[in-house]
Amino acid sequence: MKRFANQLLLAVCALACSACASTAFESTWKSPDAKPLQLRDRRVAAVFVSRDPLLRRIAEDAMAREITARGARGVAAYTFLSDSEIRDREMLDGMASN
C-alpha cells in the first residue's frame, strides 16, 4: 500500500509540473518611447496596502530592501505614513501630484 501511495504522489507531482511547463507569453508590448527610470541614489517609497498592519510592514521592508539593492534608496512607507493615512485616498492623491 505504501508503494502505491508513493507512486500516486509521484504521478501527481509529474502531472502538476507538466501542467505548469506549458505556460508562455504569446506576445508583449512596450511603448516605443519608454526609457528606464534613473533613480540611483534617490529615495523611493515602498507602499503595500493591507488591512493587516504586520503584513504591511513585512512587505514594505522587503520591497525597500529590493529597491535599495537596485541602486535607489528604498524607504518603507510605514515609517512616514500611519495605517489610517495609507487608507486616505485624497491625501495620497495630493502627495502623488507633488
Protein backbone atom coordinates (compact mmCIF):
# COMPACT_ATOMS: atom_id res chain seq x y z
CA MET A 1 0.00 0.00 0.00
CA LYS A 2 2.85 2.39 0.82
CA ARG A 3 4.43 1.73 -2.58
CA PHE A 4 1.13 2.59 -4.31
CA ALA A 5 0.86 5.83 -2.32
CA ASN A 6 4.41 6.81 -3.31
CA GLN A 7 3.73 6.07 -6.98
CA LEU A 8 0.48 8.06 -6.85
CA LEU A 9 2.27 11.02 -5.25
CA LEU A 10 4.99 10.86 -7.90
CA ALA A 11 2.36 10.77 -10.69
CA VAL A 12 0.51 13.76 -9.23
CA CYS A 13 3.77 15.75 -8.94
CA ALA A 14 4.71 14.91 -12.53
CA LEU A 15 1.27 15.97 -13.75
CA ALA A 16 1.47 19.26 -11.83
CA CYS A 17 4.93 20.03 -13.22
CA SER A 18 3.91 19.28 -16.79
CA ALA A 19 0.80 21.44 -16.48
CA CYS A 20 2.89 24.46 -15.48
CA ALA A 21 5.54 23.90 -18.11
CA SER A 22 3.26 24.87 -20.98
CA THR A 23 2.68 28.46 -19.80
CA ALA A 24 4.32 31.01 -22.11
CA PHE A 25 3.94 34.60 -23.30
CA GLU A 26 2.37 34.81 -26.72
CA SER A 27 3.24 38.47 -27.18
CA THR A 28 4.44 41.51 -25.29
CA TRP A 29 4.23 45.22 -25.98
CA LYS A 30 6.49 48.07 -24.97
CA SER A 31 5.93 51.72 -25.71
CA PRO A 32 8.49 52.93 -28.26
CA ASP A 33 9.32 55.97 -26.11
CA ALA A 34 9.67 54.02 -22.83
CA LYS A 35 13.02 54.51 -21.08
CA PRO A 36 14.46 53.16 -17.82
CA LEU A 37 13.96 55.36 -14.78
CA GLN A 38 17.08 56.96 -13.37
CA LEU A 39 16.54 56.50 -9.64
CA ARG A 40 20.10 55.92 -8.44
CA ASP A 41 20.63 57.49 -5.00
CA ARG A 42 17.02 58.80 -4.92
CA ARG A 43 14.51 57.91 -2.21
CA VAL A 44 11.74 55.60 -3.40
CA ALA A 45 8.76 54.70 -1.19
CA ALA A 46 7.78 51.07 -0.88
CA VAL A 47 3.99 51.01 -0.35
CA PHE A 48 1.91 47.91 0.37
CA VAL A 49 -1.77 48.39 1.23
CA SER A 50 -3.21 45.75 3.54
CA ARG A 51 -5.74 45.56 6.34
CA ASP A 52 -3.11 43.62 8.32
CA PRO A 53 -0.53 46.10 9.73
CA LEU A 54 2.07 43.38 10.36
CA LEU A 55 1.79 42.09 6.79
CA ARG A 56 2.11 45.67 5.52
CA ARG A 57 5.33 46.24 7.47
CA ILE A 58 6.87 42.93 6.40
CA ALA A 59 6.05 43.56 2.72
CA GLU A 60 7.24 47.18 2.75
CA ASP A 61 10.52 46.20 4.43
CA ALA A 62 11.10 43.50 1.80
CA MET A 63 10.30 45.87 -1.08
CA ALA A 64 12.51 48.61 0.40
CA ARG A 65 15.43 46.15 0.59
CA GLU A 66 14.91 45.15 -3.07
CA ILE A 67 14.71 48.79 -4.18
CA THR A 68 17.92 49.58 -2.29
CA ALA A 69 19.64 46.54 -3.83
CA ARG A 70 18.92 48.03 -7.26
CA GLY A 71 20.56 51.40 -6.62
CA ALA A 72 17.83 53.65 -5.24
CA ARG A 73 17.23 54.23 -1.54
CA GLY A 74 14.15 52.20 -0.58
CA VAL A 75 12.05 53.54 2.28
CA ALA A 76 9.20 51.59 3.86
CA ALA A 77 6.09 53.78 3.76
CA TYR A 78 5.02 52.80 7.28
CA THR A 79 7.94 54.88 8.55
CA PHE A 80 6.16 58.05 7.42
CA LEU A 81 2.50 57.02 6.76
CA SER A 82 0.33 55.59 9.54
CA ASP A 83 -2.16 52.79 8.91
CA SER A 84 -5.04 55.29 8.82
CA GLU A 85 -3.18 57.66 6.46
CA ILE A 86 -2.47 54.89 3.95
CA ARG A 87 -6.25 54.50 3.52
CA ASP A 88 -6.89 58.24 2.95
CA ARG A 89 -7.11 58.33 -0.84
CA GLU A 90 -7.45 62.14 -1.11
CA MET A 91 -4.31 62.74 0.94
CA LEU A 92 -2.34 60.17 -1.08
CA ASP A 93 -3.52 61.67 -4.38
CA GLY A 94 -2.27 65.06 -3.18
CA MET A 95 1.12 63.58 -2.23
CA ALA A 96 1.47 61.86 -5.62
CA SER A 97 0.85 65.09 -7.54
CA ASN A 98 3.65 66.94 -5.69
